[in-house]
Amino acid sequence: MEVRKDFVNNEETIFISSDELKKDIEYVLINKIENIGINRFKGYSFGDIDEIATHLSHVKKLHVECEKMDLSKLYLFKDLEYLSVAENDKLDLSNHTRLRKLAFVYNKSVVGLEKLNHLEELNVMNANSYVYSSIGNLLNLKTLRLSKPNNLSIKDIVSKDCHLQSLEIAYCKDVLDLSELKPIAENVKEIRFDNCKNIMNYTSLVNLSNIEVIVFSDCNAIKDSTFVDSLRTLKQLTVIGKSFFEEGNIDNLKREGLTVGIDSKKHYTLKSNQFLNYFRNPPVPMG
């Protein structure tokens, strides 16, 4: 058994070992632990979760950090609120309608996502059209993170009925038109883009009336920083790496209440150390 501490959320995850399976299960039961995980590098060598699912069905948070795992008994976890799953051949989410947070690597065997009506946070790697169409049913979704999505356009994942407050997209090769954020313009408070080289219509960011955080890291060039003038709720702006302003006059970024993270470019009128609250804050890694 190994313990992983999350100091941000002030919680611990108990990782179960195959060699001491019965002992670990007993420990979890006696101490009423609801947050467990399995990881081959942390001592789990079995090819399924059968024993864990049978005896620890009360668990609310489950981290499956093993690939190619038999998850056929996943349905036994009746009270799951958090689930994180590495790449696996089959993932049936149909019975987990209590889930509030979900992270997984997509493949064509994933089913049941569209039924998760209580989901508030979704992290997906390698998402495709099935994921995008399912998102339309997730009306309680507040946070969406997509890494390496396939054939994505922003209009596929936002609608007038959704209530997204945070959107993060990383390593997307497709054209991302920021004007397609319009349906969530009044709701969204945070957008982060990392290694997305084909972003267009940066000027449409002026429509995000309640935005607080904007991050562009290693994306493409932005014409100028004038869009910031319209964003009076903006608290944090980060434009770093291959993301930069072509127009060097960025004097408008130095304003009270705005924390700015930029690289010092020769053509900029202000350098990074001239911002009182300077920091470099790339997007949060996808979970």
Protein backbone atom coordinates (compact mmCIF):
# COMPACT_ATOMS: atom_id res chain seq x y z
CA MET A 1 0.00 0.00 0.00
CA GLU A 2 1.20 3.48 -0.88
CA VAL A 3 -0.24 6.85 -0.01
CA ARG A 4 -0.25 9.81 -2.40
CA LYS A 5 -0.94 13.20 -0.89
CA ASP A 6 -2.66 15.97 -2.78
CA PHE A 7 -1.69 19.13 -0.95
CA VAL A 8 -3.86 21.33 -3.18
CA ASN A 9 -7.08 19.54 -2.26
CA ASN A 10 -5.78 18.37 1.13
CA GLU A 11 -6.62 14.72 0.55
CA GLU A 12 -4.91 11.34 0.31
CA THR A 13 -5.25 8.50 -2.18
CA ILE A 14 -4.53 4.96 -1.02
CA PHE A 15 -2.89 2.88 -3.76
CA ILE A 16 -3.57 -0.82 -3.38
CA SER A 17 -0.86 -3.45 -3.83
CA SER A 18 -1.43 -6.90 -5.32
CA ASP A 19 1.00 -8.54 -2.89
CA GLU A 20 -0.95 -7.29 0.12
CA LEU A 21 -4.39 -7.11 -1.44
CA LYS A 22 -6.38 -8.57 1.46
CA LYS A 23 -4.51 -6.45 3.99
CA ASP A 24 -5.01 -3.29 1.96
CA ILE A 25 -8.71 -3.99 1.47
CA GLU A 26 -9.13 -4.52 5.20
CA TYR A 27 -7.30 -1.26 5.93
CA VAL A 28 -9.57 0.66 3.56
CA LEU A 29 -12.68 -0.86 5.11
CA ILE A 30 -11.65 -0.34 8.74
CA ASN A 31 -10.66 3.28 8.14
CA LYS A 32 -13.67 4.00 5.93
CA ILE A 33 -11.42 5.30 3.14
CA GLU A 34 -13.29 6.49 0.06
CA ASN A 35 -10.37 7.48 -2.21
CA ILE A 36 -8.31 4.63 -3.72
CA GLY A 37 -6.14 3.94 -6.75
CA ILE A 38 -4.21 1.26 -8.62
CA ASN A 39 -0.95 1.73 -10.47
CA ARG A 40 1.50 -0.91 -11.74
CA PHE A 41 4.42 1.18 -10.51
CA LYS A 42 2.83 1.29 -7.08
CA GLY A 43 2.49 -2.47 -6.72
CA TYR A 44 -0.68 -3.46 -8.60
CA SER A 45 0.01 -6.33 -11.01
CA PHE A 46 -3.42 -7.90 -11.56
CA GLY A 47 -5.18 -7.53 -14.90
CA ASP A 48 -8.59 -6.72 -13.45
CA ILE A 49 -10.29 -4.87 -10.59
CA ASP A 50 -12.62 -7.71 -9.56
CA GLU A 51 -11.52 -8.14 -5.93
CA ILE A 52 -11.37 -4.41 -5.30
CA ALA A 53 -14.78 -3.78 -6.84
CA THR A 54 -16.36 -6.66 -4.93
CA HIS A 55 -15.12 -5.61 -1.48
CA LEU A 56 -14.76 -1.84 -1.82
CA SER A 57 -17.95 -0.89 -3.62
CA HIS A 58 -18.43 2.04 -1.19
CA VAL A 59 -15.49 3.95 -2.71
CA LYS A 60 -16.35 7.42 -4.08
CA LYS A 61 -13.04 8.24 -5.79
CA LEU A 62 -11.22 5.74 -8.01
CA HIS A 63 -7.94 6.24 -9.88
CA VAL A 64 -7.21 3.49 -12.45
CA GLU A 65 -3.70 4.33 -13.60
CA CYS A 66 -3.10 0.97 -15.32
CA GLU A 67 -3.54 0.54 -19.06
CA LYS A 68 -5.27 -2.47 -20.65
CA MET A 69 -7.16 -3.29 -17.48
CA ASP A 70 -10.30 -5.44 -17.40
CA LEU A 71 -12.92 -3.03 -16.05
CA SER A 72 -15.96 -5.27 -16.48
CA LYS A 73 -16.68 -5.08 -12.73
CA LEU A 74 -16.54 -1.28 -12.63
CA TYR A 75 -20.33 -1.19 -12.33
CA LEU A 76 -20.05 -2.52 -8.76
CA PHE A 77 -18.85 0.89 -7.59
CA LYS A 78 -22.34 2.29 -7.07
CA ASP A 79 -21.36 5.52 -5.31
CA LEU A 80 -18.55 6.81 -7.54
CA GLU A 81 -18.32 10.58 -7.73
CA TYR A 82 -14.80 10.77 -9.19
CA LEU A 83 -13.25 8.44 -11.77
CA SER A 84 -9.90 8.68 -13.55
CA VAL A 85 -9.05 5.95 -16.07
CA ALA A 86 -5.94 5.37 -18.19
CA GLU A 87 -6.27 3.99 -21.72
CA ASN A 88 -8.25 0.75 -21.68
CA ASP A 89 -9.97 -1.47 -24.23
CA LYS A 90 -13.47 -1.08 -22.79
CA LEU A 91 -15.06 1.55 -20.56
CA ASP A 92 -18.78 1.47 -19.81
CA LEU A 93 -19.92 4.55 -17.89
CA SER A 94 -23.64 3.85 -18.12
CA ASN A 95 -24.07 2.86 -14.46
CA HIS A 96 -22.19 5.81 -12.98
CA THR A 97 -24.74 8.58 -13.14
CA ARG A 98 -23.55 9.98 -9.79
CA LEU A 99 -20.18 10.95 -11.24
CA ARG A 100 -19.24 14.59 -10.79
CA LYS A 101 -15.65 14.41 -12.07
CA LEU A 102 -14.35 12.17 -14.85
CA ALA A 103 -11.02 11.81 -16.67
CA PHE A 104 -10.29 9.21 -19.33
CA VAL A 105 -8.45 8.44 -22.56
CA TYR A 106 -10.99 7.98 -25.32
CA ASN A 107 -11.23 4.99 -27.61
CA LYS A 108 -14.16 3.66 -29.63
CA SER A 109 -15.20 1.23 -26.87
CA VAL A 110 -16.20 4.02 -24.45
CA VAL A 111 -19.97 4.12 -23.91
CA GLY A 112 -22.42 5.84 -21.58
CA LEU A 113 -20.83 9.29 -21.35
CA GLU A 114 -24.03 10.96 -22.50
CA LYS A 115 -25.89 9.58 -19.45
CA LEU A 116 -23.77 11.35 -16.83
CA ASN A 117 -26.24 14.12 -16.03
CA HIS A 118 -24.53 15.18 -12.80
CA LEU A 119 -21.06 15.55 -14.30
CA GLU A 120 -19.42 18.88 -13.46
CA GLU A 121 -15.84 18.33 -14.62
CA LEU A 122 -14.64 16.35 -17.66
CA ASN A 123 -11.07 15.67 -18.82
CA VAL A 124 -10.63 13.71 -22.06
CA MET A 125 -7.59 12.80 -24.13
CA ASN A 126 -8.04 11.89 -27.81
CA ALA A 127 -11.69 13.00 -27.87
CA ASN A 128 -13.73 12.68 -31.05
CA SER A 129 -17.26 13.31 -32.32
CA TYR A 130 -18.85 10.87 -29.83
CA VAL A 131 -17.43 12.88 -26.93
CA TYR A 132 -18.46 16.19 -28.49
CA SER A 133 -22.05 15.05 -29.09
CA SER A 134 -22.27 13.64 -25.55
CA ILE A 135 -21.18 16.96 -24.05
CA GLY A 136 -24.41 18.46 -25.34
CA ASN A 137 -26.29 16.30 -22.82
CA LEU A 138 -24.11 17.26 -19.86
CA LEU A 139 -26.00 20.35 -18.78
CA ASN A 140 -24.32 20.56 -15.37
CA LEU A 141 -20.81 20.57 -16.84
CA LYS A 142 -18.75 23.48 -15.51
CA THR A 143 -15.19 22.50 -16.49
CA LEU A 144 -14.04 20.88 -19.74
CA ARG A 145 -10.46 19.90 -20.57
CA LEU A 146 -9.55 18.36 -23.92
CA SER A 147 -6.06 17.15 -24.80
CA LYS A 148 -5.15 16.03 -28.33
CA PRO A 149 -8.75 16.23 -29.60
CA ASN A 150 -9.58 15.00 -33.10
CA ASN A 151 -11.54 17.02 -35.68
CA LEU A 152 -12.59 19.61 -33.14
CA SER A 153 -14.33 22.91 -33.65
CA ILE A 154 -15.42 24.97 -30.67
CA LYS A 155 -19.04 25.05 -31.85
CA ASP A 156 -19.13 21.26 -31.36
CA ILE A 157 -18.68 21.59 -27.59
CA VAL A 158 -20.59 24.72 -26.61
CA SER A 159 -24.27 25.58 -26.95
CA LYS A 160 -26.76 28.06 -25.55
CA ASP A 161 -27.90 25.41 -23.06
CA CYS A 162 -24.48 24.64 -21.56
CA HIS A 163 -23.07 26.37 -18.49
CA LEU A 164 -19.33 25.99 -19.00
CA GLN A 165 -17.25 28.22 -16.77
CA SER A 166 -13.81 26.82 -17.62
CA LEU A 167 -12.54 25.55 -20.98
CA GLU A 168 -9.05 24.16 -21.60
CA ILE A 169 -7.79 22.78 -24.91
CA ALA A 170 -4.28 21.41 -25.48
CA TYR A 171 -2.39 20.06 -28.46
CA CYS A 172 -5.17 20.63 -30.98
CA LYS A 173 -4.22 20.64 -34.67
CA ASP A 174 -7.59 21.86 -35.91
CA VAL A 175 -8.72 25.42 -36.55
CA LEU A 176 -10.23 26.91 -33.39
CA ASP A 177 -12.44 29.92 -34.04
CA LEU A 178 -12.78 31.92 -30.83
CA SER A 179 -15.92 33.63 -32.12
CA GLU A 180 -17.65 30.27 -31.59
CA LEU A 181 -17.40 30.87 -27.83
CA LYS A 182 -20.39 33.21 -28.18
CA PRO A 183 -22.97 30.81 -26.63
CA ILE A 184 -21.02 30.79 -23.35
CA ALA A 185 -19.79 34.40 -23.53
CA GLU A 186 -21.67 35.37 -20.37
CA ASN A 187 -20.84 32.21 -18.39
CA VAL A 188 -17.20 31.40 -19.07
CA LYS A 189 -14.69 32.68 -16.53
CA GLU A 190 -11.55 30.88 -17.64
CA ILE A 191 -10.07 29.79 -20.98
CA ARG A 192 -6.70 28.11 -21.48
CA PHE A 193 -5.10 27.06 -24.76
CA ASP A 194 -1.82 25.17 -24.94
CA ASN A 195 -0.04 24.19 -28.17
CA CYS A 196 -2.98 25.04 -30.41
CA LYS A 197 -1.38 26.49 -33.56
CA ASN A 198 -4.50 27.37 -35.55
CA ILE A 199 -6.47 29.76 -33.38
CA MET A 200 -8.36 32.55 -35.17
CA ASN A 201 -10.54 35.57 -34.34
CA TYR A 202 -8.77 36.66 -31.16
CA THR A 203 -10.65 39.97 -31.37
CA SER A 204 -13.90 38.16 -30.53
CA LEU A 205 -12.60 37.73 -26.98
CA VAL A 206 -14.15 41.14 -26.26
CA ASN A 207 -17.51 39.35 -26.01
CA LEU A 208 -16.49 37.37 -22.90
CA SER A 209 -18.21 39.68 -20.46
CA ASN A 210 -17.31 37.81 -17.24
CA ILE A 211 -13.94 36.32 -18.13
CA GLU A 212 -11.34 36.27 -15.34
CA VAL A 213 -8.49 34.12 -16.69
CA ILE A 214 -7.07 33.91 -20.22
CA VAL A 215 -4.02 31.77 -21.04
CA PHE A 216 -2.36 31.20 -24.42
CA SER A 217 0.79 29.08 -24.27
CA ASP A 218 2.73 28.04 -27.38
CA CYS A 219 -0.14 28.82 -29.73
CA ASN A 220 0.06 31.30 -32.62
CA ALA A 221 0.63 35.04 -32.83
CA ILE A 222 -2.00 37.54 -31.62
CA LYS A 223 -2.28 40.80 -33.57
CA ASP A 224 -2.46 43.10 -30.55
CA SER A 225 -3.63 43.41 -26.95
CA THR A 226 -6.49 45.84 -27.50
CA PHE A 227 -9.15 43.21 -26.75
CA VAL A 228 -8.09 43.39 -23.10
CA ASP A 229 -9.49 46.92 -22.79
CA SER A 230 -13.03 45.58 -23.02
CA LEU A 231 -12.51 42.86 -20.43
CA ARG A 232 -12.98 44.70 -17.14
CA THR A 233 -13.44 41.47 -15.16
CA LEU A 234 -10.11 40.03 -16.36
CA LYS A 235 -7.76 39.21 -13.47
CA GLN A 236 -5.09 37.09 -15.14
CA LEU A 237 -3.61 37.16 -18.65
CA THR A 238 -0.82 34.87 -19.78
CA VAL A 239 0.65 34.96 -23.31
CA ILE A 240 3.90 32.99 -23.48
CA GLY A 241 6.09 30.79 -25.64
CA LYS A 242 5.08 30.86 -29.29
CA SER A 243 2.07 32.92 -28.30
CA PHE A 244 2.89 36.65 -28.48
CA PHE A 245 1.53 40.02 -29.54
CA GLU A 246 2.64 41.14 -33.00
CA GLU A 247 1.97 44.78 -32.11
CA GLY A 248 4.55 45.74 -29.54
CA ASN A 249 2.59 48.43 -27.71
CA ILE A 250 1.20 46.56 -24.70
CA ASP A 251 0.97 49.53 -22.33
CA ASN A 252 -2.74 48.79 -21.80
CA LEU A 253 -1.84 45.58 -19.94
CA LYS A 254 -0.40 47.49 -17.02
CA ARG A 255 -3.53 48.19 -15.08
CA GLU A 256 -4.68 47.73 -11.51
CA GLY A 257 -6.05 44.30 -10.67
CA LEU A 258 -4.59 42.53 -13.72
CA THR A 259 -1.87 39.92 -13.23
CA VAL A 260 0.17 39.50 -16.42
CA GLY A 261 2.51 36.74 -17.56
CA ILE A 262 4.49 37.41 -20.75
CA ASP A 263 7.89 36.75 -22.25
CA SER A 264 10.13 39.79 -22.66
CA LYS A 265 10.11 40.49 -26.39
CA LYS A 266 12.38 43.11 -28.01
CA HIS A 267 9.45 44.88 -29.67
CA TYR A 268 7.30 45.07 -26.52
CA THR A 269 6.93 48.47 -24.88
CA LEU A 270 6.89 46.73 -21.49
CA LYS A 271 9.02 43.86 -20.26
CA SER A 272 7.98 41.06 -17.96
CA ASN A 273 9.65 42.52 -14.87
CA GLN A 274 7.70 45.77 -15.27
CA PHE A 275 4.49 44.07 -14.23
CA LEU A 276 4.01 44.17 -10.49
CA ASN A 277 2.30 40.80 -10.35
CA TYR A 278 4.33 39.08 -13.08
CA PHE A 279 4.27 35.33 -13.26
CA ARG A 280 4.51 32.65 -15.90
CA ASN A 281 1.46 30.44 -15.64
CA PRO A 282 1.04 27.82 -18.37
CA PRO A 283 -2.15 25.79 -18.61
CA VAL A 284 -2.85 23.19 -15.96
CA PRO A 285 -1.77 19.73 -17.19
CA MET A 286 -4.64 17.55 -18.28
CA GLY A 287 -5.63 14.99 -15.75
